[in-house]
Amino acid sequence: MGKNKKKDSIGVVYSTNQDFDYSYDENEEQETLPPNKQDLRIVLDRKKGGKVVTAIIDFVGTTEDLKDLGKTLKSFCGVGGTVKEGEVLLQGDFRDKILAKLLEMNYKAKKKGG
């Protein structure tokens, strides 16, 4: 948050209400849905250099919960990877293995694409 509260406020120029408090929408994340309410997609992606990565997309929830899921899947597959921009990326093609693990963890998940 910047030092100048008035400059950082969005949408309110002036209020005559003495009890008015500026609200900020920063850092507001969606509440994490339970596994059986998630609708995850598992896709195969080719990054620069032709390297294949398996991406888990469409996760609804906090970044922290997504990181926990990513850590679990990386450990399960024994590979490296990352969590960024709302996706879990794992090095290599592990679509079938990840699908089985997510279903075992009670997630709704399916493979997308070829």
PDB file of N, CA and C in Angstrom:
ATOM      1  N   MET A   1       0.857  -1.164   0.000  1.00  0.00           N
ATOM      2  CA  MET A   1       0.000   0.000   0.000  1.00  0.00           C
ATOM      3  C   MET A   1       0.900   1.222   0.000  1.00  0.00           C
ATOM      4  N   GLY A   2       0.546   2.196  -0.814  1.00  0.00           N
ATOM      5  CA  GLY A   2       1.324   3.429  -0.880  1.00  0.00           C
ATOM      6  C   GLY A   2       1.127   4.273   0.370  1.00  0.00           C
ATOM      7  N   LYS A   3       1.914   5.313   0.473  1.00  0.00           N
ATOM      8  CA  LYS A   3       1.846   6.180   1.647  1.00  0.00           C
ATOM      9  C   LYS A   3       0.645   7.120   1.587  1.00  0.00           C
ATOM     10  N   ASN A   4       0.218   7.500   0.397  1.00  0.00           N
ATOM     11  CA  ASN A   4      -0.874   8.445   0.251  1.00  0.00           C
ATOM     12  C   ASN A   4      -2.190   7.689   0.067  1.00  0.00           C
ATOM     13  N   LYS A   5      -2.956   7.538   1.154  1.00  0.00           N
ATOM     14  CA  LYS A   5      -4.185   6.760   1.114  1.00  0.00           C
ATOM     15  C   LYS A   5      -5.181   7.313   0.102  1.00  0.00           C
ATOM     16  N   LYS A   6      -5.335   8.637   0.063  1.00  0.00           N
ATOM     17  CA  LYS A   6      -6.312   9.235  -0.839  1.00  0.00           C
ATOM     18  C   LYS A   6      -5.943   8.983  -2.292  1.00  0.00           C
ATOM     19  N   LYS A   7      -4.666   9.017  -2.596  1.00  0.00           N
ATOM     20  CA  LYS A   7      -4.225   8.799  -3.964  1.00  0.00           C
ATOM     21  C   LYS A   7      -4.433   7.339  -4.381  1.00  0.00           C
ATOM     22  N   ASP A   8      -4.329   6.411  -3.432  1.00  0.00           N
ATOM     23  CA  ASP A   8      -4.479   4.995  -3.724  1.00  0.00           C
ATOM     24  C   ASP A   8      -5.938   4.549  -3.786  1.00  0.00           C
ATOM     25  N   SER A   9      -6.871   5.377  -3.300  1.00  0.00           N
ATOM     26  CA  SER A   9      -8.271   4.975  -3.293  1.00  0.00           C
ATOM     27  C   SER A   9      -8.811   4.941  -4.707  1.00  0.00           C
ATOM     28  N   ILE A  10      -9.753   4.058  -4.923  1.00  0.00           N
ATOM     29  CA  ILE A  10     -10.304   3.875  -6.253  1.00  0.00           C
ATOM     30  C   ILE A  10     -11.790   4.197  -6.233  1.00  0.00           C
ATOM     31  N   GLY A  11     -12.230   5.055  -7.123  1.00  0.00           N
ATOM     32  CA  GLY A  11     -13.647   5.299  -7.305  1.00  0.00           C
ATOM     33  C   GLY A  11     -14.267   6.351  -6.402  1.00  0.00           C
ATOM     34  N   VAL A  12     -13.617   6.790  -5.341  1.00  0.00           N
ATOM     35  CA  VAL A  12     -14.190   7.792  -4.449  1.00  0.00           C
ATOM     36  C   VAL A  12     -13.321   9.033  -4.511  1.00  0.00           C
ATOM     37  N   VAL A  13     -13.952  10.146  -4.868  1.00  0.00           N
ATOM     38  CA  VAL A  13     -13.218  11.400  -4.936  1.00  0.00           C
ATOM     39  C   VAL A  13     -13.346  12.138  -3.614  1.00  0.00           C
ATOM     40  N   TYR A  14     -14.588  12.178  -3.087  1.00  0.00           N
ATOM     41  CA  TYR A  14     -14.824  12.921  -1.859  1.00  0.00           C
ATOM     42  C   TYR A  14     -16.081  12.377  -1.203  1.00  0.00           C
ATOM     43  N   SER A  15     -16.088  12.286   0.112  1.00  0.00           N
ATOM     44  CA  SER A  15     -17.271  11.840   0.835  1.00  0.00           C
ATOM     45  C   SER A  15     -17.536  12.784   1.999  1.00  0.00           C
ATOM     46  N   THR A  16     -18.811  13.140   2.179  1.00  0.00           N
ATOM     47  CA  THR A  16     -19.185  13.992   3.308  1.00  0.00           C
ATOM     48  C   THR A  16     -19.467  13.172   4.554  1.00  0.00           C
ATOM     49  N   ASN A  17     -19.507  11.853   4.423  1.00  0.00           N
ATOM     50  CA  ASN A  17     -19.751  10.962   5.556  1.00  0.00           C
ATOM     51  C   ASN A  17     -18.491  10.916   6.420  1.00  0.00           C
ATOM     52  N   GLN A  18     -18.609  11.360   7.682  1.00  0.00           N
ATOM     53  CA  GLN A  18     -17.439  11.389   8.568  1.00  0.00           C
ATOM     54  C   GLN A  18     -16.949   9.993   8.931  1.00  0.00           C
ATOM     55  N   ASP A  19     -17.820   9.001   8.871  1.00  0.00           N
ATOM     56  CA  ASP A  19     -17.447   7.626   9.217  1.00  0.00           C
ATOM     57  C   ASP A  19     -16.994   6.824   7.999  1.00  0.00           C
ATOM     58  N   PHE A  20     -16.908   7.468   6.842  1.00  0.00           N
ATOM     59  CA  PHE A  20     -16.545   6.754   5.617  1.00  0.00           C
ATOM     60  C   PHE A  20     -15.106   6.264   5.701  1.00  0.00           C
ATOM     61  N   ASP A  21     -14.913   5.011   5.294  1.00  0.00           N
ATOM     62  CA  ASP A  21     -13.572   4.434   5.269  1.00  0.00           C
ATOM     63  C   ASP A  21     -13.333   3.897   3.865  1.00  0.00           C
ATOM     64  N   TYR A  22     -12.235   4.292   3.259  1.00  0.00           N
ATOM     65  CA  TYR A  22     -11.921   3.781   1.933  1.00  0.00           C
ATOM     66  C   TYR A  22     -11.681   2.282   2.018  1.00  0.00           C
ATOM     67  N   SER A  23     -12.208   1.543   1.069  1.00  0.00           N
ATOM     68  CA  SER A  23     -11.947   0.105   1.044  1.00  0.00           C
ATOM     69  C   SER A  23     -11.080  -0.199  -0.170  1.00  0.00           C
ATOM     70  N   TYR A  24     -10.237  -1.151  -0.016  1.00  0.00           N
ATOM     71  CA  TYR A  24      -9.314  -1.538  -1.068  1.00  0.00           C
ATOM     72  C   TYR A  24      -9.595  -2.974  -1.463  1.00  0.00           C
ATOM     73  N   ASP A  25      -9.606  -3.227  -2.773  1.00  0.00           N
ATOM     74  CA  ASP A  25      -9.871  -4.574  -3.267  1.00  0.00           C
ATOM     75  C   ASP A  25      -8.594  -5.375  -3.479  1.00  0.00           C
ATOM     76  N   GLU A  26      -7.449  -4.801  -3.146  1.00  0.00           N
ATOM     77  CA  GLU A  26      -6.186  -5.509  -3.309  1.00  0.00           C
ATOM     78  C   GLU A  26      -6.154  -6.767  -2.453  1.00  0.00           C
ATOM     79  N   ASN A  27      -5.419  -7.754  -2.913  1.00  0.00           N
ATOM     80  CA  ASN A  27      -5.162  -8.982  -2.168  1.00  0.00           C
ATOM     81  C   ASN A  27      -6.433  -9.748  -1.824  1.00  0.00           C
ATOM     82  N   GLU A  28      -7.524  -9.489  -2.530  1.00  0.00           N
ATOM     83  CA  GLU A  28      -8.735 -10.239  -2.256  1.00  0.00           C
ATOM     84  C   GLU A  28      -8.710 -11.482  -3.125  1.00  0.00           C
ATOM     85  N   GLU A  29      -8.623 -12.642  -2.496  1.00  0.00           N
ATOM     86  CA  GLU A  29      -8.585 -13.883  -3.242  1.00  0.00           C
ATOM     87  C   GLU A  29      -9.892 -14.631  -3.016  1.00  0.00           C
ATOM     88  N   GLN A  30     -10.231 -15.455  -3.989  1.00  0.00           N
ATOM     89  CA  GLN A  30     -11.417 -16.269  -3.833  1.00  0.00           C
ATOM     90  C   GLN A  30     -11.151 -17.326  -2.775  1.00  0.00           C
ATOM     91  N   GLU A  31     -12.204 -17.653  -2.048  1.00  0.00           N
ATOM     92  CA  GLU A  31     -12.102 -18.719  -1.064  1.00  0.00           C
ATOM     93  C   GLU A  31     -11.903 -20.033  -1.811  1.00  0.00           C
ATOM     94  N   THR A  32     -11.074 -20.899  -1.273  1.00  0.00           N
ATOM     95  CA  THR A  32     -10.781 -22.159  -1.935  1.00  0.00           C
ATOM     96  C   THR A  32     -11.989 -23.086  -1.854  1.00  0.00           C
ATOM     97  N   LEU A  33     -12.378 -23.577  -3.018  1.00  0.00           N
ATOM     98  CA  LEU A  33     -13.482 -24.537  -3.065  1.00  0.00           C
ATOM     99  C   LEU A  33     -12.990 -25.894  -2.568  1.00  0.00           C
ATOM    100  N   PRO A  34     -13.875 -26.688  -1.960  1.00  0.00           N
ATOM    101  CA  PRO A  34     -13.461 -28.033  -1.561  1.00  0.00           C
ATOM    102  C   PRO A  34     -13.136 -28.863  -2.809  1.00  0.00           C
ATOM    103  N   PRO A  35     -12.300 -29.899  -2.658  1.00  0.00           N
ATOM    104  CA  PRO A  35     -11.880 -30.694  -3.820  1.00  0.00           C
ATOM    105  C   PRO A  35     -13.036 -31.181  -4.697  1.00  0.00           C
ATOM    106  N   ASN A  36     -14.126 -31.626  -4.096  1.00  0.00           N
ATOM    107  CA  ASN A  36     -15.224 -32.172  -4.902  1.00  0.00           C
ATOM    108  C   ASN A  36     -16.000 -31.091  -5.663  1.00  0.00           C
ATOM    109  N   LYS A  37     -15.741 -29.819  -5.384  1.00  0.00           N
ATOM    110  CA  LYS A  37     -16.383 -28.713  -6.098  1.00  0.00           C
ATOM    111  C   LYS A  37     -15.457 -28.117  -7.166  1.00  0.00           C
ATOM    112  N   GLN A  38     -14.171 -28.480  -7.125  1.00  0.00           N
ATOM    113  CA  GLN A  38     -13.210 -27.989  -8.114  1.00  0.00           C
ATOM    114  C   GLN A  38     -13.491 -28.669  -9.451  1.00  0.00           C
ATOM    115  N   ASP A  39     -13.165 -28.000 -10.541  1.00  0.00           N
ATOM    116  CA  ASP A  39     -13.322 -28.569 -11.877  1.00  0.00           C
ATOM    117  C   ASP A  39     -12.006 -28.354 -12.618  1.00  0.00           C
ATOM    118  N   LEU A  40     -11.007 -29.157 -12.261  1.00  0.00           N
ATOM    119  CA  LEU A  40      -9.646 -28.974 -12.770  1.00  0.00           C
ATOM    120  C   LEU A  40      -9.480 -29.585 -14.152  1.00  0.00           C
ATOM    121  N   ARG A  41      -8.611 -28.978 -14.934  1.00  0.00           N
ATOM    122  CA  ARG A  41      -8.254 -29.482 -16.259  1.00  0.00           C
ATOM    123  C   ARG A  41      -6.755 -29.758 -16.278  1.00  0.00           C
ATOM    124  N   ILE A  42      -6.396 -30.864 -16.909  1.00  0.00           N
ATOM    125  CA  ILE A  42      -4.993 -31.255 -17.032  1.00  0.00           C
ATOM    126  C   ILE A  42      -4.640 -31.170 -18.514  1.00  0.00           C
ATOM    127  N   VAL A  43      -3.681 -30.301 -18.842  1.00  0.00           N
ATOM    128  CA  VAL A  43      -3.308 -30.101 -20.245  1.00  0.00           C
ATOM    129  C   VAL A  43      -1.811 -30.290 -20.431  1.00  0.00           C
ATOM    130  N   LEU A  44      -1.451 -30.684 -21.641  1.00  0.00           N
ATOM    131  CA  LEU A  44      -0.044 -30.829 -22.006  1.00  0.00           C
ATOM    132  C   LEU A  44       0.342 -29.586 -22.783  1.00  0.00           C
ATOM    133  N   ASP A  45       1.465 -28.992 -22.417  1.00  0.00           N
ATOM    134  CA  ASP A  45       1.893 -27.744 -23.042  1.00  0.00           C
ATOM    135  C   ASP A  45       3.358 -27.855 -23.418  1.00  0.00           C
ATOM    136  N   ARG A  46       3.708 -27.272 -24.532  1.00  0.00           N
ATOM    137  CA  ARG A  46       5.118 -27.226 -24.947  1.00  0.00           C
ATOM    138  C   ARG A  46       5.621 -25.809 -24.735  1.00  0.00           C
ATOM    139  N   LYS A  47       6.581 -25.673 -23.863  1.00  0.00           N
ATOM    140  CA  LYS A  47       7.173 -24.368 -23.593  1.00  0.00           C
ATOM    141  C   LYS A  47       8.330 -24.123 -24.557  1.00  0.00           C
ATOM    142  N   LYS A  48       8.961 -22.984 -24.411  1.00  0.00           N
ATOM    143  CA  LYS A  48      10.092 -22.636 -25.269  1.00  0.00           C
ATOM    144  C   LYS A  48      11.137 -23.747 -25.247  1.00  0.00           C
ATOM    145  N   GLY A  49      11.708 -24.016 -26.399  1.00  0.00           N
ATOM    146  CA  GLY A  49      12.735 -25.046 -26.470  1.00  0.00           C
ATOM    147  C   GLY A  49      12.141 -26.435 -26.626  1.00  0.00           C
ATOM    148  N   GLY A  50      10.823 -26.540 -26.781  1.00  0.00           N
ATOM    149  CA  GLY A  50      10.183 -27.831 -26.998  1.00  0.00           C
ATOM    150  C   GLY A  50      10.001 -28.674 -25.758  1.00  0.00           C
ATOM    151  N   LYS A  51      10.281 -28.104 -24.579  1.00  0.00           N
ATOM    152  CA  LYS A  51      10.113 -28.868 -23.347  1.00  0.00           C
ATOM    153  C   LYS A  51       8.631 -29.061 -23.057  1.00  0.00           C
ATOM    154  N   VAL A  52       8.283 -30.257 -22.640  1.00  0.00           N
ATOM    155  CA  VAL A  52       6.888 -30.596 -22.364  1.00  0.00           C
ATOM    156  C   VAL A  52       6.607 -30.373 -20.885  1.00  0.00           C
ATOM    157  N   VAL A  53       5.491 -29.705 -20.608  1.00  0.00           N
ATOM    158  CA  VAL A  53       5.054 -29.536 -19.227  1.00  0.00           C
ATOM    159  C   VAL A  53       3.588 -29.943 -19.125  1.00  0.00           C
ATOM    160  N   THR A  54       3.241 -30.467 -17.972  1.00  0.00           N
ATOM    161  CA  THR A  54       1.857 -30.775 -17.670  1.00  0.00           C
ATOM    162  C   THR A  54       1.323 -29.645 -16.812  1.00  0.00           C
ATOM    163  N   ALA A  55       0.215 -29.053 -17.244  1.00  0.00           N
ATOM    164  CA  ALA A  55      -0.368 -27.925 -16.521  1.00  0.00           C
ATOM    165  C   ALA A  55      -1.711 -28.330 -15.923  1.00  0.00           C
ATOM    166  N   ILE A  56      -1.927 -27.944 -14.677  1.00  0.00           N
ATOM    167  CA  ILE A  56      -3.213 -28.135 -14.015  1.00  0.00           C
ATOM    168  C   ILE A  56      -3.823 -26.737 -13.928  1.00  0.00           C
ATOM    169  N   ILE A  57      -4.970 -26.552 -14.587  1.00  0.00           N
ATOM    170  CA  ILE A  57      -5.578 -25.227 -14.675  1.00  0.00           C
ATOM    171  C   ILE A  57      -6.986 -25.232 -14.088  1.00  0.00           C
ATOM    172  N   ASP A  58      -7.559 -24.055 -13.975  1.00  0.00           N
ATOM    173  CA  ASP A  58      -8.936 -23.834 -13.496  1.00  0.00           C
ATOM    174  C   ASP A  58      -9.113 -24.084 -12.005  1.00  0.00           C
ATOM    175  N   PHE A  59      -8.055 -23.935 -11.214  1.00  0.00           N
ATOM    176  CA  PHE A  59      -8.162 -24.062  -9.755  1.00  0.00           C
ATOM    177  C   PHE A  59      -8.829 -22.806  -9.211  1.00  0.00           C
ATOM    178  N   VAL A  60      -9.804 -22.986  -8.332  1.00  0.00           N
ATOM    179  CA  VAL A  60     -10.479 -21.852  -7.713  1.00  0.00           C
ATOM    180  C   VAL A  60     -10.097 -21.824  -6.242  1.00  0.00           C
ATOM    181  N   GLY A  61      -9.351 -20.786  -5.849  1.00  0.00           N
ATOM    182  CA  GLY A  61      -8.952 -20.690  -4.457  1.00  0.00           C
ATOM    183  C   GLY A  61      -7.753 -19.800  -4.255  1.00  0.00           C
ATOM    184  N   THR A  62      -7.210 -19.867  -3.050  1.00  0.00           N
ATOM    185  CA  THR A  62      -6.098 -19.004  -2.684  1.00  0.00           C
ATOM    186  C   THR A  62      -4.791 -19.504  -3.302  1.00  0.00           C
ATOM    187  N   THR A  63      -3.868 -18.602  -3.450  1.00  0.00           N
ATOM    188  CA  THR A  63      -2.556 -18.940  -3.999  1.00  0.00           C
ATOM    189  C   THR A  63      -1.850 -19.948  -3.103  1.00  0.00           C
ATOM    190  N   GLU A  64      -2.018 -19.789  -1.794  1.00  0.00           N
ATOM    191  CA  GLU A  64      -1.366 -20.694  -0.834  1.00  0.00           C
ATOM    192  C   GLU A  64      -1.870 -22.131  -1.003  1.00  0.00           C
ATOM    193  N   ASP A  65      -3.184 -22.299  -1.173  1.00  0.00           N
ATOM    194  CA  ASP A  65      -3.740 -23.645  -1.367  1.00  0.00           C
ATOM    195  C   ASP A  65      -3.283 -24.238  -2.695  1.00  0.00           C
ATOM    196  N   LEU A  66      -3.156 -23.397  -3.721  1.00  0.00           N
ATOM    197  CA  LEU A  66      -2.667 -23.878  -5.012  1.00  0.00           C
ATOM    198  C   LEU A  66      -1.216 -24.316  -4.897  1.00  0.00           C
ATOM    199  N   LYS A  67      -0.416 -23.560  -4.144  1.00  0.00           N
ATOM    200  CA  LYS A  67       0.984 -23.946  -3.926  1.00  0.00           C
ATOM    201  C   LYS A  67       1.074 -25.286  -3.193  1.00  0.00           C
ATOM    202  N   ASP A  68       0.197 -25.494  -2.215  1.00  0.00           N
ATOM    203  CA  ASP A  68       0.176 -26.771  -1.492  1.00  0.00           C
ATOM    204  C   ASP A  68      -0.154 -27.926  -2.430  1.00  0.00           C
ATOM    205  N   LEU A  69      -1.140 -27.713  -3.311  1.00  0.00           N
ATOM    206  CA  LEU A  69      -1.505 -28.749  -4.279  1.00  0.00           C
ATOM    207  C   LEU A  69      -0.330 -29.011  -5.214  1.00  0.00           C
ATOM    208  N   GLY A  70       0.323 -27.944  -5.682  1.00  0.00           N
ATOM    209  CA  GLY A  70       1.483 -28.099  -6.558  1.00  0.00           C
ATOM    210  C   GLY A  70       2.602 -28.883  -5.897  1.00  0.00           C
ATOM    211  N   LYS A  71       2.852 -28.586  -4.640  1.00  0.00           N
ATOM    212  CA  LYS A  71       3.904 -29.297  -3.901  1.00  0.00           C
ATOM    213  C   LYS A  71       3.575 -30.782  -3.786  1.00  0.00           C
ATOM    214  N   THR A  72       2.323 -31.085  -3.499  1.00  0.00           N
ATOM    215  CA  THR A  72       1.884 -32.483  -3.394  1.00  0.00           C
ATOM    216  C   THR A  72       2.081 -33.213  -4.718  1.00  0.00           C
ATOM    217  N   LEU A  73       1.678 -32.581  -5.816  1.00  0.00           N
ATOM    218  CA  LEU A  73       1.780 -33.228  -7.129  1.00  0.00           C
ATOM    219  C   LEU A  73       3.224 -33.375  -7.591  1.00  0.00           C
ATOM    220  N   LYS A  74       4.060 -32.357  -7.319  1.00  0.00           N
ATOM    221  CA  LYS A  74       5.481 -32.452  -7.690  1.00  0.00           C
ATOM    222  C   LYS A  74       6.144 -33.596  -6.933  1.00  0.00           C
ATOM    223  N   SER A  75       5.842 -33.699  -5.654  1.00  0.00           N
ATOM    224  CA  SER A  75       6.408 -34.763  -4.835  1.00  0.00           C
ATOM    225  C   SER A  75       5.922 -36.129  -5.315  1.00  0.00           C
ATOM    226  N   PHE A  76       4.645 -36.224  -5.625  1.00  0.00           N
ATOM    227  CA  PHE A  76       4.057 -37.489  -6.085  1.00  0.00           C
ATOM    228  C   PHE A  76       4.697 -37.961  -7.381  1.00  0.00           C
ATOM    229  N   CYS A  77       4.948 -37.032  -8.307  1.00  0.00           N
ATOM    230  CA  CYS A  77       5.525 -37.391  -9.599  1.00  0.00           C
ATOM    231  C   CYS A  77       7.048 -37.435  -9.571  1.00  0.00           C
ATOM    232  N   GLY A  78       7.646 -36.864  -8.526  1.00  0.00           N
ATOM    233  CA  GLY A  78       9.102 -36.855  -8.410  1.00  0.00           C
ATOM    234  C   GLY A  78       9.769 -35.965  -9.443  1.00  0.00           C
ATOM    235  N   VAL A  79       9.123 -34.836  -9.747  1.00  0.00           N
ATOM    236  CA  VAL A  79       9.665 -33.926 -10.751  1.00  0.00           C
ATOM    237  C   VAL A  79       9.661 -32.494 -10.237  1.00  0.00           C
ATOM    238  N   GLY A  80      10.339 -31.643 -10.976  1.00  0.00           N
ATOM    239  CA  GLY A  80      10.324 -30.228 -10.655  1.00  0.00           C
ATOM    240  C   GLY A  80       9.129 -29.561 -11.307  1.00  0.00           C
ATOM    241  N   GLY A  81       8.890 -28.352 -10.887  1.00  0.00           N
ATOM    242  CA  GLY A  81       7.778 -27.605 -11.459  1.00  0.00           C
ATOM    243  C   GLY A  81       7.606 -26.301 -10.724  1.00  0.00           C
ATOM    244  N   THR A  82       6.532 -25.612 -11.031  1.00  0.00           N
ATOM    245  CA  THR A  82       6.273 -24.330 -10.416  1.00  0.00           C
ATOM    246  C   THR A  82       4.774 -24.065 -10.353  1.00  0.00           C
ATOM    247  N   VAL A  83       4.432 -23.071  -9.544  1.00  0.00           N
ATOM    248  CA  VAL A  83       3.052 -22.600  -9.478  1.00  0.00           C
ATOM    249  C   VAL A  83       3.096 -21.120  -9.822  1.00  0.00           C
ATOM    250  N   LYS A  84       2.426 -20.746 -10.925  1.00  0.00           N
ATOM    251  CA  LYS A  84       2.385 -19.332 -11.283  1.00  0.00           C
ATOM    252  C   LYS A  84       1.148 -19.051 -12.112  1.00  0.00           C
ATOM    253  N   GLU A  85       0.661 -17.825 -11.977  1.00  0.00           N
ATOM    254  CA  GLU A  85      -0.498 -17.355 -12.726  1.00  0.00           C
ATOM    255  C   GLU A  85      -1.687 -18.300 -12.604  1.00  0.00           C
ATOM    256  N   GLY A  86      -1.886 -18.861 -11.423  1.00  0.00           N
ATOM    257  CA  GLY A  86      -3.048 -19.708 -11.179  1.00  0.00           C
ATOM    258  C   GLY A  86      -2.948 -21.107 -11.757  1.00  0.00           C
ATOM    259  N   GLU A  87      -1.756 -21.523 -12.136  1.00  0.00           N
ATOM    260  CA  GLU A  87      -1.562 -22.849 -12.715  1.00  0.00           C
ATOM    261  C   GLU A  87      -0.439 -23.585 -11.992  1.00  0.00           C
ATOM    262  N   VAL A  88      -0.558 -24.904 -11.979  1.00  0.00           N
ATOM    263  CA  VAL A  88       0.532 -25.756 -11.509  1.00  0.00           C
ATOM    264  C   VAL A  88       1.197 -26.306 -12.767  1.00  0.00           C
ATOM    265  N   LEU A  89       2.505 -26.104 -12.900  1.00  0.00           N
ATOM    266  CA  LEU A  89       3.249 -26.604 -14.055  1.00  0.00           C
ATOM    267  C   LEU A  89       4.262 -27.638 -13.587  1.00  0.00           C
ATOM    268  N   LEU A  90       4.206 -28.829 -14.178  1.00  0.00           N
ATOM    269  CA  LEU A  90       5.134 -29.908 -13.842  1.00  0.00           C
ATOM    270  C   LEU A  90       5.943 -30.267 -15.077  1.00  0.00           C
ATOM    271  N   GLN A  91       7.231 -30.502 -14.899  1.00  0.00           N
ATOM    272  CA  GLN A  91       8.107 -30.832 -16.009  1.00  0.00           C
ATOM    273  C   GLN A  91       7.845 -32.254 -16.477  1.00  0.00           C
ATOM    274  N   GLY A  92       7.462 -32.409 -17.740  1.00  0.00           N
ATOM    275  CA  GLY A  92       7.221 -33.725 -18.316  1.00  0.00           C
ATOM    276  C   GLY A  92       5.739 -33.994 -18.518  1.00  0.00           C
ATOM    277  N   ASP A  93       5.448 -35.143 -19.124  1.00  0.00           N
ATOM    278  CA  ASP A  93       4.073 -35.552 -19.400  1.00  0.00           C
ATOM    279  C   ASP A  93       3.604 -36.537 -18.318  1.00  0.00           C
ATOM    280  N   PHE A  94       2.814 -36.023 -17.395  1.00  0.00           N
ATOM    281  CA  PHE A  94       2.301 -36.852 -16.297  1.00  0.00           C
ATOM    282  C   PHE A  94       0.779 -36.774 -16.213  1.00  0.00           C
ATOM    283  N   ARG A  95       0.115 -36.569 -17.357  1.00  0.00           N
ATOM    284  CA  ARG A  95      -1.331 -36.363 -17.345  1.00  0.00           C
ATOM    285  C   ARG A  95      -2.089 -37.511 -16.684  1.00  0.00           C
ATOM    286  N   ASP A  96      -1.789 -38.741 -17.076  1.00  0.00           N
ATOM    287  CA  ASP A  96      -2.526 -39.888 -16.521  1.00  0.00           C
ATOM    288  C   ASP A  96      -2.258 -40.064 -15.032  1.00  0.00           C
ATOM    289  N   LYS A  97      -1.004 -39.927 -14.639  1.00  0.00           N
ATOM    290  CA  LYS A  97      -0.613 -40.091 -13.242  1.00  0.00           C
ATOM    291  C   LYS A  97      -1.265 -39.005 -12.364  1.00  0.00           C
ATOM    292  N   ILE A  98      -1.255 -37.771 -12.854  1.00  0.00           N
ATOM    293  CA  ILE A  98      -1.849 -36.659 -12.104  1.00  0.00           C
ATOM    294  C   ILE A  98      -3.363 -36.808 -12.023  1.00  0.00           C
ATOM    295  N   LEU A  99      -3.985 -37.230 -13.124  1.00  0.00           N
ATOM    296  CA  LEU A  99      -5.435 -37.433 -13.119  1.00  0.00           C
ATOM    297  C   LEU A  99      -5.815 -38.460 -12.059  1.00  0.00           C
ATOM    298  N   ALA A 100      -5.100 -39.569 -12.011  1.00  0.00           N
ATOM    299  CA  ALA A 100      -5.390 -40.611 -11.019  1.00  0.00           C
ATOM    300  C   ALA A 100      -5.208 -40.064  -9.595  1.00  0.00           C
ATOM    301  N   LYS A 101      -4.138 -39.304  -9.363  1.00  0.00           N
ATOM    302  CA  LYS A 101      -3.877 -38.749  -8.029  1.00  0.00           C
ATOM    303  C   LYS A 101      -4.955 -37.739  -7.634  1.00  0.00           C
ATOM    304  N   LEU A 102      -5.347 -36.847  -8.547  1.00  0.00           N
ATOM    305  CA  LEU A 102      -6.376 -35.861  -8.231  1.00  0.00           C
ATOM    306  C   LEU A 102      -7.722 -36.532  -7.929  1.00  0.00           C
ATOM    307  N   LEU A 103      -8.065 -37.561  -8.696  1.00  0.00           N
ATOM    308  CA  LEU A 103      -9.310 -38.280  -8.437  1.00  0.00           C
ATOM    309  C   LEU A 103      -9.255 -38.988  -7.083  1.00  0.00           C
ATOM    310  N   GLU A 104      -8.089 -39.524  -6.751  1.00  0.00           N
ATOM    311  CA  GLU A 104      -7.883 -40.160  -5.441  1.00  0.00           C
ATOM    312  C   GLU A 104      -8.053 -39.149  -4.310  1.00  0.00           C
ATOM    313  N   MET A 105      -7.669 -37.885  -4.573  1.00  0.00           N
ATOM    314  CA  MET A 105      -7.785 -36.820  -3.573  1.00  0.00           C
ATOM    315  C   MET A 105      -9.188 -36.188  -3.583  1.00  0.00           C
ATOM    316  N   ASN A 106     -10.122 -36.789  -4.314  1.00  0.00           N
ATOM    317  CA  ASN A 106     -11.527 -36.352  -4.418  1.00  0.00           C
ATOM    318  C   ASN A 106     -11.724 -35.069  -5.221  1.00  0.00           C
ATOM    319  N   TYR A 107     -10.777 -34.715  -6.077  1.00  0.00           N
ATOM    320  CA  TYR A 107     -10.956 -33.566  -6.967  1.00  0.00           C
ATOM    321  C   TYR A 107     -11.738 -34.012  -8.196  1.00  0.00           C
ATOM    322  N   LYS A 108     -12.527 -33.104  -8.743  1.00  0.00           N
ATOM    323  CA  LYS A 108     -13.128 -33.316 -10.054  1.00  0.00           C
ATOM    324  C   LYS A 108     -12.087 -32.846 -11.056  1.00  0.00           C
ATOM    325  N   ALA A 109     -11.614 -33.755 -11.900  1.00  0.00           N
ATOM    326  CA  ALA A 109     -10.564 -33.393 -12.841  1.00  0.00           C
ATOM    327  C   ALA A 109     -10.706 -34.232 -14.103  1.00  0.00           C
ATOM    328  N   LYS A 110     -10.241 -33.651 -15.219  1.00  0.00           N
ATOM    329  CA  LYS A 110     -10.200 -34.420 -16.450  1.00  0.00           C
ATOM    330  C   LYS A 110      -9.157 -33.837 -17.375  1.00  0.00           C
ATOM    331  N   LYS A 111      -8.713 -34.698 -18.309  1.00  0.00           N
ATOM    332  CA  LYS A 111      -7.713 -34.273 -19.286  1.00  0.00           C
ATOM    333  C   LYS A 111      -8.402 -33.436 -20.341  1.00  0.00           C
ATOM    334  N   LYS A 112      -7.678 -32.413 -20.800  1.00  0.00           N
ATOM    335  CA  LYS A 112      -8.199 -31.521 -21.831  1.00  0.00           C
ATOM    336  C   LYS A 112      -7.250 -31.592 -23.011  1.00  0.00           C
ATOM    337  N   GLY A 113      -7.777 -31.720 -24.206  1.00  0.00           N
ATOM    338  CA  GLY A 113      -6.935 -31.760 -25.403  1.00  0.00           C
ATOM    339  C   GLY A 113      -6.449 -33.161 -25.690  1.00  0.00           C
ATOM    340  N   GLY A 114      -5.508 -33.273 -26.661  1.00  0.00           N
ATOM    341  CA  GLY A 114      -5.001 -34.546 -27.143  1.00  0.00           C
ATOM    342  C   GLY A 114      -4.210 -35.230 -26.147  1.00  0.00           C
TER     343      GLY A 114
END
